[in-house]
Amino acid sequence: MHNKFGAVAKRPKATDCKSVISPVRIRAAPLPLTVAAQVATVFSLVEPPIPDPMIKTVSLNDIDLNVFDAGSGAPVLFVHGFPLDHTMWREQLGALSQTHRVIAPDLRGFGRSGVTPGKVTMKQYADDLVALLDHLQIRMPVTLCALSMGGYIAWQFFLNYHGRLERLILCDTKAAADSEAARENRLQMADLVLNEGTASLAENMPAKLFSSRTLETQPELVEEVRNVIRNTSPEGVSAALLGMAGRPDMSAWLGQIDVPTLLIVGRDDQISTTEKMRGMSQAIAESTLVVVDDAGHMAPLEAPEAVNAAIEHFLLSPRD
């Protein structure tokens, strides 16, 4: 592969970092009291008693977005998965806000952001992210950290806003478009949630999102995610499903990615398997693959210490 300057780009070998990222739980250093208290309020999954300085409402592109914005330094933009909100990144936001500026919006239709009925494409979500960066006056390229559907949005960010991207972190996602069967399933689900709400989605989806270990040992976490899904707008869920069903296949573009890229996958992920993520890593020139034990599709929530260690190491690594 040739990089944008015409030179042959070095292709580091993707690595399975089981031996590097230990599955042993590590006690994280405590946050300063004021920051810890604010983070606890923001991620309590209930209405905060007072407005929190880390949360703001930003009006852009005909929508109001709910945005978490904290810390200072090089910016890291977090993009949540389907059908969740920015709180899925709570462990990463709390840790990385000590060294970086961390921005985590609720995408349109999710969390406390406004809802767009109909269909929202992956590019439209990417357009919102760039408009958000402009609103926050962040001109320097960012590290984009995305999970699952957030990864589909990251592809569009790379294609359309390449100059705004410094690094990529792709968690539990894939480049391929839906199969015909998967596409039809999304279309049916889009109709179902509009007619019946998100209760059945909240009940059934965690079995696919989490590893069997997490389902057994972290029932409170599983229930928290169920509550987030239950409280998500049916119109927002349906619009995203229609957008995902029509997203393009990005497999042929992987070789064009010329920014440092970290791929993270739970070893027990049923949706974005380790084999698929390894194949993506092999196609991206400057990439590293980290496989996280005892985690499924929600590795950042299931094994935050391992995921945080991988992200922090990646962010501290100098670019070639």
C-alpha atoms as a PDB file:
ATOM      1  CA  MET A   1       0.000   0.000   0.000  1.00  0.00           C
ATOM      2  CA  HIS A   2       1.174   3.551  -0.733  1.00  0.00           C
ATOM      3  CA  ASN A   3       0.514   6.345   1.664  1.00  0.00           C
ATOM      4  CA  LYS A   4      -0.736   9.779   0.694  1.00  0.00           C
ATOM      5  CA  PHE A   5       2.828  10.943   0.040  1.00  0.00           C
ATOM      6  CA  GLY A   6       3.475   8.146  -2.465  1.00  0.00           C
ATOM      7  CA  ALA A   7       5.844   6.175  -0.239  1.00  0.00           C
ATOM      8  CA  VAL A   8       5.301   2.549   0.600  1.00  0.00           C
ATOM      9  CA  ALA A   9       3.580   2.378   3.952  1.00  0.00           C
ATOM     10  CA  LYS A  10       4.874  -0.038   6.532  1.00  0.00           C
ATOM     11  CA  ARG A  11       2.329  -2.727   7.406  1.00  0.00           C
ATOM     12  CA  PRO A  12       2.771  -3.714  11.034  1.00  0.00           C
ATOM     13  CA  LYS A  13       1.479  -7.159  11.885  1.00  0.00           C
ATOM     14  CA  ALA A  14      -1.819  -7.213  13.751  1.00  0.00           C
ATOM     15  CA  THR A  15      -1.356  -8.667  17.209  1.00  0.00           C
ATOM     16  CA  ASP A  16      -3.590 -10.610  19.554  1.00  0.00           C
ATOM     17  CA  CYS A  17      -2.780  -8.834  22.787  1.00  0.00           C
ATOM     18  CA  LYS A  18      -4.080 -11.405  25.261  1.00  0.00           C
ATOM     19  CA  SER A  19      -0.569 -11.694  26.645  1.00  0.00           C
ATOM     20  CA  VAL A  20      -0.190  -7.912  26.808  1.00  0.00           C
ATOM     21  CA  ILE A  21      -3.566  -6.899  28.206  1.00  0.00           C
ATOM     22  CA  SER A  22      -4.079  -9.065  31.252  1.00  0.00           C
ATOM     23  CA  PRO A  23      -7.623 -10.180  32.086  1.00  0.00           C
ATOM     24  CA  VAL A  24      -6.807  -9.564  35.767  1.00  0.00           C
ATOM     25  CA  ARG A  25      -8.841  -6.653  37.059  1.00  0.00           C
ATOM     26  CA  ILE A  26      -6.728  -3.610  37.910  1.00  0.00           C
ATOM     27  CA  ARG A  27      -7.790  -1.037  40.440  1.00  0.00           C
ATOM     28  CA  ALA A  28      -7.883   2.289  38.637  1.00  0.00           C
ATOM     29  CA  ALA A  29      -6.383   5.363  40.258  1.00  0.00           C
ATOM     30  CA  PRO A  30      -9.152   7.444  41.871  1.00  0.00           C
ATOM     31  CA  LEU A  31     -10.313  10.587  40.136  1.00  0.00           C
ATOM     32  CA  PRO A  32      -9.976  13.915  41.939  1.00  0.00           C
ATOM     33  CA  LEU A  33     -12.988  14.328  44.189  1.00  0.00           C
ATOM     34  CA  THR A  34     -14.715  17.081  42.212  1.00  0.00           C
ATOM     35  CA  VAL A  35     -14.297  15.268  38.886  1.00  0.00           C
ATOM     36  CA  ALA A  36     -15.332  11.935  40.393  1.00  0.00           C
ATOM     37  CA  ALA A  37     -18.469  13.486  41.862  1.00  0.00           C
ATOM     38  CA  GLN A  38     -19.397  15.086  38.552  1.00  0.00           C
ATOM     39  CA  VAL A  39     -18.843  11.853  36.607  1.00  0.00           C
ATOM     40  CA  ALA A  40     -20.944   9.948  39.143  1.00  0.00           C
ATOM     41  CA  THR A  41     -23.767  12.435  38.654  1.00  0.00           C
ATOM     42  CA  VAL A  42     -23.574  12.363  34.866  1.00  0.00           C
ATOM     43  CA  PHE A  43     -23.611   8.574  34.648  1.00  0.00           C
ATOM     44  CA  SER A  44     -26.190   7.842  37.360  1.00  0.00           C
ATOM     45  CA  LEU A  45     -28.744   6.917  34.652  1.00  0.00           C
ATOM     46  CA  VAL A  46     -31.311   9.138  36.373  1.00  0.00           C
ATOM     47  CA  GLU A  47     -32.136  12.797  35.906  1.00  0.00           C
ATOM     48  CA  PRO A  48     -29.352  14.826  37.563  1.00  0.00           C
ATOM     49  CA  PRO A  49     -30.597  16.991  40.424  1.00  0.00           C
ATOM     50  CA  ILE A  50     -28.791  20.063  39.054  1.00  0.00           C
ATOM     51  CA  PRO A  51     -27.355  20.912  35.632  1.00  0.00           C
ATOM     52  CA  ASP A  52     -23.901  19.377  35.241  1.00  0.00           C
ATOM     53  CA  PRO A  53     -21.073  21.432  33.735  1.00  0.00           C
ATOM     54  CA  MET A  54     -19.837  18.437  31.730  1.00  0.00           C
ATOM     55  CA  ILE A  55     -23.138  18.150  29.840  1.00  0.00           C
ATOM     56  CA  LYS A  56     -24.277  20.705  27.294  1.00  0.00           C
ATOM     57  CA  THR A  57     -26.943  21.011  24.637  1.00  0.00           C
ATOM     58  CA  VAL A  58     -25.620  21.941  21.204  1.00  0.00           C
ATOM     59  CA  SER A  59     -27.919  23.037  18.377  1.00  0.00           C
ATOM     60  CA  LEU A  60     -26.637  22.137  14.922  1.00  0.00           C
ATOM     61  CA  ASN A  61     -27.820  20.685  11.608  1.00  0.00           C
ATOM     62  CA  ASP A  62     -31.509  21.129  12.571  1.00  0.00           C
ATOM     63  CA  ILE A  63     -31.113  19.073  15.767  1.00  0.00           C
ATOM     64  CA  ASP A  64     -30.247  19.518  19.453  1.00  0.00           C
ATOM     65  CA  LEU A  65     -27.491  17.168  20.598  1.00  0.00           C
ATOM     66  CA  ASN A  66     -26.793  16.222  24.213  1.00  0.00           C
ATOM     67  CA  VAL A  67     -22.999  16.288  24.611  1.00  0.00           C
ATOM     68  CA  PHE A  68     -20.550  15.266  27.329  1.00  0.00           C
ATOM     69  CA  ASP A  69     -17.445  17.494  27.158  1.00  0.00           C
ATOM     70  CA  ALA A  70     -14.695  17.385  29.770  1.00  0.00           C
ATOM     71  CA  GLY A  71     -10.946  17.640  30.242  1.00  0.00           C
ATOM     72  CA  SER A  72      -8.302  19.404  28.203  1.00  0.00           C
ATOM     73  CA  GLY A  73      -5.585  18.449  25.771  1.00  0.00           C
ATOM     74  CA  ALA A  74      -5.698  16.485  22.537  1.00  0.00           C
ATOM     75  CA  PRO A  75      -9.347  15.768  21.665  1.00  0.00           C
ATOM     76  CA  VAL A  76     -10.872  12.282  21.650  1.00  0.00           C
ATOM     77  CA  LEU A  77     -14.352  11.994  20.144  1.00  0.00           C
ATOM     78  CA  PHE A  78     -16.408   8.995  21.318  1.00  0.00           C
ATOM     79  CA  VAL A  79     -19.252   7.595  19.190  1.00  0.00           C
ATOM     80  CA  HIS A  80     -21.627   5.158  20.869  1.00  0.00           C
ATOM     81  CA  GLY A  81     -23.209   2.033  19.463  1.00  0.00           C
ATOM     82  CA  PHE A  82     -26.801   1.047  18.739  1.00  0.00           C
ATOM     83  CA  PRO A  83     -29.227   1.491  20.486  1.00  0.00           C
ATOM     84  CA  LEU A  84     -27.336   3.176  23.317  1.00  0.00           C
ATOM     85  CA  ASP A  85     -26.075   6.631  24.296  1.00  0.00           C
ATOM     86  CA  HIS A  86     -22.871   8.298  25.438  1.00  0.00           C
ATOM     87  CA  THR A  87     -23.032   6.713  28.903  1.00  0.00           C
ATOM     88  CA  MET A  88     -21.657   3.453  27.454  1.00  0.00           C
ATOM     89  CA  TRP A  89     -18.254   5.229  27.461  1.00  0.00           C
ATOM     90  CA  ARG A  90     -18.426   6.262  31.121  1.00  0.00           C
ATOM     91  CA  GLU A  91     -15.346   4.281  32.186  1.00  0.00           C
ATOM     92  CA  GLN A  92     -13.263   5.672  29.326  1.00  0.00           C
ATOM     93  CA  LEU A  93     -14.484   9.256  29.801  1.00  0.00           C
ATOM     94  CA  GLY A  94     -13.667   9.223  33.494  1.00  0.00           C
ATOM     95  CA  ALA A  95     -10.143   7.919  32.909  1.00  0.00           C
ATOM     96  CA  LEU A  96      -9.139   9.813  29.770  1.00  0.00           C
ATOM     97  CA  SER A  97     -10.539  13.184  30.870  1.00  0.00           C
ATOM     98  CA  GLN A  98      -7.476  13.425  33.133  1.00  0.00           C
ATOM     99  CA  THR A  99      -5.138  13.663  30.122  1.00  0.00           C
ATOM    100  CA  HIS A 100      -7.312  14.543  27.090  1.00  0.00           C
ATOM    101  CA  ARG A 101     -10.354  16.523  26.126  1.00  0.00           C
ATOM    102  CA  VAL A 102     -13.117  13.949  25.755  1.00  0.00           C
ATOM    103  CA  ILE A 103     -16.291  14.637  23.767  1.00  0.00           C
ATOM    104  CA  ALA A 104     -19.145  12.139  23.700  1.00  0.00           C
ATOM    105  CA  PRO A 105     -22.464  13.102  22.110  1.00  0.00           C
ATOM    106  CA  ASP A 106     -25.745  11.281  22.155  1.00  0.00           C
ATOM    107  CA  LEU A 107     -26.284  10.772  18.431  1.00  0.00           C
ATOM    108  CA  ARG A 108     -29.486  12.190  16.966  1.00  0.00           C
ATOM    109  CA  GLY A 109     -32.371   9.961  18.023  1.00  0.00           C
ATOM    110  CA  PHE A 110     -30.563   8.577  21.085  1.00  0.00           C
ATOM    111  CA  GLY A 111     -30.185   9.528  24.725  1.00  0.00           C
ATOM    112  CA  ARG A 112     -31.329  13.076  25.361  1.00  0.00           C
ATOM    113  CA  SER A 113     -30.669  14.334  21.837  1.00  0.00           C
ATOM    114  CA  GLY A 114     -33.414  15.339  19.446  1.00  0.00           C
ATOM    115  CA  VAL A 115     -35.061  12.820  17.162  1.00  0.00           C
ATOM    116  CA  THR A 116     -35.217  12.765  13.357  1.00  0.00           C
ATOM    117  CA  PRO A 117     -38.077  10.531  12.118  1.00  0.00           C
ATOM    118  CA  GLY A 118     -37.668   8.482   8.971  1.00  0.00           C
ATOM    119  CA  LYS A 119     -34.110   7.443   8.064  1.00  0.00           C
ATOM    120  CA  VAL A 120     -30.745   8.713   9.255  1.00  0.00           C
ATOM    121  CA  THR A 121     -27.741   7.665   7.180  1.00  0.00           C
ATOM    122  CA  MET A 122     -24.299   6.941   8.573  1.00  0.00           C
ATOM    123  CA  LYS A 123     -23.007   9.987   6.700  1.00  0.00           C
ATOM    124  CA  GLN A 124     -25.613  12.194   8.347  1.00  0.00           C
ATOM    125  CA  TYR A 125     -24.349  11.100  11.759  1.00  0.00           C
ATOM    126  CA  ALA A 126     -20.770  11.848  10.596  1.00  0.00           C
ATOM    127  CA  ASP A 127     -21.894  15.281   9.375  1.00  0.00           C
ATOM    128  CA  ASP A 128     -23.288  15.949  12.854  1.00  0.00           C
ATOM    129  CA  LEU A 129     -19.960  15.015  14.452  1.00  0.00           C
ATOM    130  CA  VAL A 130     -18.039  17.468  12.284  1.00  0.00           C
ATOM    131  CA  ALA A 131     -20.606  20.197  12.931  1.00  0.00           C
ATOM    132  CA  LEU A 132     -20.201  19.482  16.653  1.00  0.00           C
ATOM    133  CA  LEU A 133     -16.418  19.855  16.427  1.00  0.00           C
ATOM    134  CA  ASP A 134     -16.905  23.138  14.585  1.00  0.00           C
ATOM    135  CA  HIS A 135     -19.325  24.350  17.249  1.00  0.00           C
ATOM    136  CA  LEU A 136     -16.801  23.479  19.964  1.00  0.00           C
ATOM    137  CA  GLN A 137     -14.093  25.255  17.939  1.00  0.00           C
ATOM    138  CA  ILE A 138     -11.976  22.108  17.735  1.00  0.00           C
ATOM    139  CA  ARG A 139      -9.932  22.615  14.579  1.00  0.00           C
ATOM    140  CA  MET A 140      -7.123  20.142  15.183  1.00  0.00           C
ATOM    141  CA  PRO A 141      -7.552  16.545  13.996  1.00  0.00           C
ATOM    142  CA  VAL A 142      -9.184  14.256  16.557  1.00  0.00           C
ATOM    143  CA  THR A 143      -8.907  10.682  17.673  1.00  0.00           C
ATOM    144  CA  LEU A 144     -12.242   9.060  16.843  1.00  0.00           C
ATOM    145  CA  CYS A 145     -13.201   6.178  19.146  1.00  0.00           C
ATOM    146  CA  ALA A 146     -16.287   4.275  18.011  1.00  0.00           C
ATOM    147  CA  LEU A 147     -18.146   1.063  18.785  1.00  0.00           C
ATOM    148  CA  SER A 148     -20.363  -1.049  16.518  1.00  0.00           C
ATOM    149  CA  MET A 149     -22.702   1.350  14.674  1.00  0.00           C
ATOM    150  CA  GLY A 150     -20.279   4.077  15.703  1.00  0.00           C
ATOM    151  CA  GLY A 151     -17.722   2.259  13.555  1.00  0.00           C
ATOM    152  CA  TYR A 152     -20.031   2.496  10.538  1.00  0.00           C
ATOM    153  CA  ILE A 153     -20.151   6.236  11.192  1.00  0.00           C
ATOM    154  CA  ALA A 154     -16.349   6.315  11.547  1.00  0.00           C
ATOM    155  CA  TRP A 155     -15.959   4.973   7.987  1.00  0.00           C
ATOM    156  CA  GLN A 156     -17.992   7.919   6.703  1.00  0.00           C
ATOM    157  CA  PHE A 157     -15.986  10.322   8.848  1.00  0.00           C
ATOM    158  CA  PHE A 158     -12.778   8.975   7.279  1.00  0.00           C
ATOM    159  CA  LEU A 159     -14.116   9.152   3.722  1.00  0.00           C
ATOM    160  CA  ASN A 160     -15.636  12.621   3.953  1.00  0.00           C
ATOM    161  CA  TYR A 161     -13.564  14.402   6.608  1.00  0.00           C
ATOM    162  CA  HIS A 162     -10.152  12.799   6.349  1.00  0.00           C
ATOM    163  CA  GLY A 163      -8.326  15.984   7.341  1.00  0.00           C
ATOM    164  CA  ARG A 164     -10.152  16.082  10.696  1.00  0.00           C
ATOM    165  CA  LEU A 165      -8.863  12.652  11.715  1.00  0.00           C
ATOM    166  CA  GLU A 166      -5.649  11.994  13.655  1.00  0.00           C
ATOM    167  CA  ARG A 167      -6.212   8.411  14.815  1.00  0.00           C
ATOM    168  CA  LEU A 168      -8.939   5.754  14.783  1.00  0.00           C
ATOM    169  CA  ILE A 169     -10.075   3.444  17.558  1.00  0.00           C
ATOM    170  CA  LEU A 170     -12.587   0.871  16.329  1.00  0.00           C
ATOM    171  CA  CYS A 171     -14.297  -1.294  18.938  1.00  0.00           C
ATOM    172  CA  ASP A 172     -16.404  -4.346  18.099  1.00  0.00           C
ATOM    173  CA  THR A 173     -17.456  -3.250  14.617  1.00  0.00           C
ATOM    174  CA  LYS A 174     -17.226  -4.395  11.008  1.00  0.00           C
ATOM    175  CA  ALA A 175     -16.647  -3.036   7.529  1.00  0.00           C
ATOM    176  CA  ALA A 176     -18.927  -5.305   5.511  1.00  0.00           C
ATOM    177  CA  ALA A 177     -22.465  -4.291   4.598  1.00  0.00           C
ATOM    178  CA  ASP A 178     -25.420  -6.318   5.810  1.00  0.00           C
ATOM    179  CA  SER A 179     -26.258  -9.585   4.138  1.00  0.00           C
ATOM    180  CA  GLU A 180     -29.689  -9.657   2.520  1.00  0.00           C
ATOM    181  CA  ALA A 181     -31.062 -11.572   5.513  1.00  0.00           C
ATOM    182  CA  ALA A 182     -29.561  -9.121   8.006  1.00  0.00           C
ATOM    183  CA  ARG A 183     -30.863  -6.176   6.006  1.00  0.00           C
ATOM    184  CA  GLU A 184     -34.372  -7.620   5.950  1.00  0.00           C
ATOM    185  CA  ASN A 185     -34.187  -8.228   9.690  1.00  0.00           C
ATOM    186  CA  ARG A 186     -33.297  -4.570  10.299  1.00  0.00           C
ATOM    187  CA  LEU A 187     -36.202  -3.398   8.156  1.00  0.00           C
ATOM    188  CA  GLN A 188     -38.620  -5.620  10.068  1.00  0.00           C
ATOM    189  CA  MET A 189     -37.222  -4.442  13.391  1.00  0.00           C
ATOM    190  CA  ALA A 190     -37.600  -0.812  12.288  1.00  0.00           C
ATOM    191  CA  ASP A 191     -41.321  -1.405  11.757  1.00  0.00           C
ATOM    192  CA  LEU A 192     -41.653  -3.368  14.981  1.00  0.00           C
ATOM    193  CA  VAL A 193     -40.204  -0.682  17.261  1.00  0.00           C
ATOM    194  CA  LEU A 194     -42.356   1.993  15.654  1.00  0.00           C
ATOM    195  CA  ASN A 195     -45.474  -0.069  16.308  1.00  0.00           C
ATOM    196  CA  GLU A 196     -44.618  -1.656  19.652  1.00  0.00           C
ATOM    197  CA  GLY A 197     -41.804   0.390  21.213  1.00  0.00           C
ATOM    198  CA  THR A 198     -38.371  -0.718  22.394  1.00  0.00           C
ATOM    199  CA  ALA A 199     -39.355  -3.082  25.221  1.00  0.00           C
ATOM    200  CA  SER A 200     -38.759  -6.303  23.263  1.00  0.00           C
ATOM    201  CA  LEU A 201     -35.455  -4.950  21.948  1.00  0.00           C
ATOM    202  CA  ALA A 202     -34.363  -4.164  25.506  1.00  0.00           C
ATOM    203  CA  GLU A 203     -35.327  -7.636  26.660  1.00  0.00           C
ATOM    204  CA  ASN A 204     -33.661  -9.617  23.883  1.00  0.00           C
ATOM    205  CA  MET A 205     -30.617  -7.612  22.790  1.00  0.00           C
ATOM    206  CA  PRO A 206     -28.349  -7.996  25.877  1.00  0.00           C
ATOM    207  CA  ALA A 207     -27.926 -11.710  25.156  1.00  0.00           C
ATOM    208  CA  LYS A 208     -26.113 -10.693  21.964  1.00  0.00           C
ATOM    209  CA  LEU A 209     -24.319  -7.675  23.409  1.00  0.00           C
ATOM    210  CA  PHE A 210     -22.662  -9.289  26.411  1.00  0.00           C
ATOM    211  CA  SER A 211     -20.469 -12.307  27.029  1.00  0.00           C
ATOM    212  CA  SER A 212     -21.920 -15.178  29.039  1.00  0.00           C
ATOM    213  CA  ARG A 213     -19.567 -14.253  31.873  1.00  0.00           C
ATOM    214  CA  THR A 214     -20.884 -10.695  31.985  1.00  0.00           C
ATOM    215  CA  LEU A 215     -24.486 -11.873  31.883  1.00  0.00           C
ATOM    216  CA  GLU A 216     -23.739 -14.109  34.876  1.00  0.00           C
ATOM    217  CA  THR A 217     -21.477 -11.898  36.985  1.00  0.00           C
ATOM    218  CA  GLN A 218     -22.606  -8.327  36.185  1.00  0.00           C
ATOM    219  CA  PRO A 219     -26.421  -8.398  36.182  1.00  0.00           C
ATOM    220  CA  GLU A 220     -26.609  -4.760  37.333  1.00  0.00           C
ATOM    221  CA  LEU A 221     -24.646  -3.644  34.279  1.00  0.00           C
ATOM    222  CA  VAL A 222     -26.886  -5.674  31.990  1.00  0.00           C
ATOM    223  CA  GLU A 223     -29.990  -4.129  33.548  1.00  0.00           C
ATOM    224  CA  GLU A 224     -28.547  -0.625  33.177  1.00  0.00           C
ATOM    225  CA  VAL A 225     -28.126  -1.207  29.448  1.00  0.00           C
ATOM    226  CA  ARG A 226     -31.657  -2.602  29.227  1.00  0.00           C
ATOM    227  CA  ASN A 227     -32.927   0.594  30.803  1.00  0.00           C
ATOM    228  CA  VAL A 228     -31.027   2.741  28.318  1.00  0.00           C
ATOM    229  CA  ILE A 229     -32.588   0.782  25.430  1.00  0.00           C
ATOM    230  CA  ARG A 230     -36.081   0.969  26.951  1.00  0.00           C
ATOM    231  CA  ASN A 231     -35.770   4.741  27.249  1.00  0.00           C
ATOM    232  CA  THR A 232     -34.535   5.257  23.691  1.00  0.00           C
ATOM    233  CA  SER A 233     -36.955   6.867  21.246  1.00  0.00           C
ATOM    234  CA  PRO A 234     -38.606   4.297  18.943  1.00  0.00           C
ATOM    235  CA  GLU A 235     -38.371   6.830  16.110  1.00  0.00           C
ATOM    236  CA  GLY A 236     -34.653   7.239  16.738  1.00  0.00           C
ATOM    237  CA  VAL A 237     -34.100   3.475  16.811  1.00  0.00           C
ATOM    238  CA  SER A 238     -36.086   2.967  13.610  1.00  0.00           C
ATOM    239  CA  ALA A 239     -34.228   5.758  11.785  1.00  0.00           C
ATOM    240  CA  ALA A 240     -30.873   4.234  12.707  1.00  0.00           C
ATOM    241  CA  LEU A 241     -31.963   0.744  11.668  1.00  0.00           C
ATOM    242  CA  LEU A 242     -32.979   2.034   8.244  1.00  0.00           C
ATOM    243  CA  GLY A 243     -29.676   3.860   7.945  1.00  0.00           C
ATOM    244  CA  MET A 244     -27.639   0.787   8.895  1.00  0.00           C
ATOM    245  CA  ALA A 245     -29.611  -1.397   6.494  1.00  0.00           C
ATOM    246  CA  GLY A 246     -28.615   0.872   3.615  1.00  0.00           C
ATOM    247  CA  ARG A 247     -24.985   1.486   4.561  1.00  0.00           C
ATOM    248  CA  PRO A 248     -22.290   0.713   1.973  1.00  0.00           C
ATOM    249  CA  ASP A 249     -19.724  -2.063   2.159  1.00  0.00           C
ATOM    250  CA  MET A 250     -16.433  -0.502   3.287  1.00  0.00           C
ATOM    251  CA  SER A 251     -14.210  -3.573   2.973  1.00  0.00           C
ATOM    252  CA  ALA A 252     -12.515  -2.336  -0.202  1.00  0.00           C
ATOM    253  CA  TRP A 253     -11.624   0.957   1.495  1.00  0.00           C
ATOM    254  CA  LEU A 254      -9.724  -0.511   4.444  1.00  0.00           C
ATOM    255  CA  GLY A 255      -6.423  -0.429   2.582  1.00  0.00           C
ATOM    256  CA  GLN A 256      -6.800   3.332   2.109  1.00  0.00           C
ATOM    257  CA  ILE A 257      -6.842   4.091   5.830  1.00  0.00           C
ATOM    258  CA  ASP A 258      -3.588   5.945   6.497  1.00  0.00           C
ATOM    259  CA  VAL A 259      -3.935   6.974  10.132  1.00  0.00           C
ATOM    260  CA  PRO A 260      -2.837   4.910  13.154  1.00  0.00           C
ATOM    261  CA  THR A 261      -5.690   2.564  13.994  1.00  0.00           C
ATOM    262  CA  LEU A 262      -6.425   0.513  17.090  1.00  0.00           C
ATOM    263  CA  LEU A 263      -8.990  -2.277  16.830  1.00  0.00           C
ATOM    264  CA  ILE A 264     -10.480  -3.699  20.033  1.00  0.00           C
ATOM    265  CA  VAL A 265     -12.750  -6.730  20.178  1.00  0.00           C
ATOM    266  CA  GLY A 266     -14.174  -8.865  22.956  1.00  0.00           C
ATOM    267  CA  ARG A 267     -13.086 -12.454  22.578  1.00  0.00           C
ATOM    268  CA  ASP A 268     -16.700 -13.590  22.983  1.00  0.00           C
ATOM    269  CA  ASP A 269     -18.254 -11.030  20.618  1.00  0.00           C
ATOM    270  CA  GLN A 270     -21.040 -12.749  18.658  1.00  0.00           C
ATOM    271  CA  ILE A 271     -21.685  -9.787  16.353  1.00  0.00           C
ATOM    272  CA  SER A 272     -18.238  -8.537  15.339  1.00  0.00           C
ATOM    273  CA  THR A 273     -16.166 -11.676  15.793  1.00  0.00           C
ATOM    274  CA  THR A 274     -12.438 -11.781  16.465  1.00  0.00           C
ATOM    275  CA  GLU A 275     -11.924 -13.336  13.031  1.00  0.00           C
ATOM    276  CA  LYS A 276     -13.687 -10.440  11.286  1.00  0.00           C
ATOM    277  CA  MET A 277     -11.810  -7.848  13.323  1.00  0.00           C
ATOM    278  CA  ARG A 278      -8.503  -9.598  12.645  1.00  0.00           C
ATOM    279  CA  GLY A 279      -9.234  -9.512   8.922  1.00  0.00           C
ATOM    280  CA  MET A 280      -9.919  -5.781   9.143  1.00  0.00           C
ATOM    281  CA  SER A 281      -6.686  -5.198  11.012  1.00  0.00           C
ATOM    282  CA  GLN A 282      -4.699  -7.092   8.420  1.00  0.00           C
ATOM    283  CA  ALA A 283      -6.157  -4.857   5.709  1.00  0.00           C
ATOM    284  CA  ILE A 284      -5.314  -1.585   7.513  1.00  0.00           C
ATOM    285  CA  ALA A 285      -1.628  -0.726   7.187  1.00  0.00           C
ATOM    286  CA  GLU A 286      -0.837   0.972  10.495  1.00  0.00           C
ATOM    287  CA  SER A 287      -3.036  -1.030  12.841  1.00  0.00           C
ATOM    288  CA  THR A 288      -2.989  -3.023  16.041  1.00  0.00           C
ATOM    289  CA  LEU A 289      -5.599  -5.530  17.186  1.00  0.00           C
ATOM    290  CA  VAL A 290      -6.357  -6.076  20.863  1.00  0.00           C
ATOM    291  CA  VAL A 291      -8.521  -9.053  21.852  1.00  0.00           C
ATOM    292  CA  VAL A 292     -10.078  -8.607  25.295  1.00  0.00           C
ATOM    293  CA  ASP A 293     -10.882 -11.663  27.384  1.00  0.00           C
ATOM    294  CA  ASP A 294     -14.175 -12.117  29.242  1.00  0.00           C
ATOM    295  CA  ALA A 295     -15.945  -9.583  27.024  1.00  0.00           C
ATOM    296  CA  GLY A 296     -18.472  -9.670  24.229  1.00  0.00           C
ATOM    297  CA  HIS A 297     -19.728  -6.877  21.958  1.00  0.00           C
ATOM    298  CA  MET A 298     -19.608  -4.300  24.771  1.00  0.00           C
ATOM    299  CA  ALA A 299     -15.924  -4.614  25.664  1.00  0.00           C
ATOM    300  CA  PRO A 300     -15.564  -0.988  26.909  1.00  0.00           C
ATOM    301  CA  LEU A 301     -18.241  -1.635  29.549  1.00  0.00           C
ATOM    302  CA  GLU A 302     -17.469  -5.277  30.276  1.00  0.00           C
ATOM    303  CA  ALA A 303     -13.694  -4.987  30.689  1.00  0.00           C
ATOM    304  CA  PRO A 304     -12.948  -1.275  31.127  1.00  0.00           C
ATOM    305  CA  GLU A 305      -9.513  -1.704  32.702  1.00  0.00           C
ATOM    306  CA  ALA A 306      -8.212  -3.702  29.737  1.00  0.00           C
ATOM    307  CA  VAL A 307      -9.825  -1.407  27.184  1.00  0.00           C
ATOM    308  CA  ASN A 308      -8.567   1.732  28.933  1.00  0.00           C
ATOM    309  CA  ALA A 309      -5.040   0.321  29.101  1.00  0.00           C
ATOM    310  CA  ALA A 310      -5.093  -0.423  25.371  1.00  0.00           C
ATOM    311  CA  ILE A 311      -6.427   3.038  24.496  1.00  0.00           C
ATOM    312  CA  GLU A 312      -3.989   4.865  26.762  1.00  0.00           C
ATOM    313  CA  HIS A 313      -1.026   2.933  25.320  1.00  0.00           C
ATOM    314  CA  PHE A 314      -2.214   3.685  21.784  1.00  0.00           C
ATOM    315  CA  LEU A 315      -2.676   7.401  22.443  1.00  0.00           C
ATOM    316  CA  LEU A 316       0.798   7.666  23.955  1.00  0.00           C
ATOM    317  CA  SER A 317       2.469   5.860  21.037  1.00  0.00           C
ATOM    318  CA  PRO A 318       4.238   8.265  18.647  1.00  0.00           C
ATOM    319  CA  ARG A 319       3.142   8.347  15.009  1.00  0.00           C
ATOM    320  CA  ASP A 320       5.579   7.006  12.426  1.00  0.00           C
END
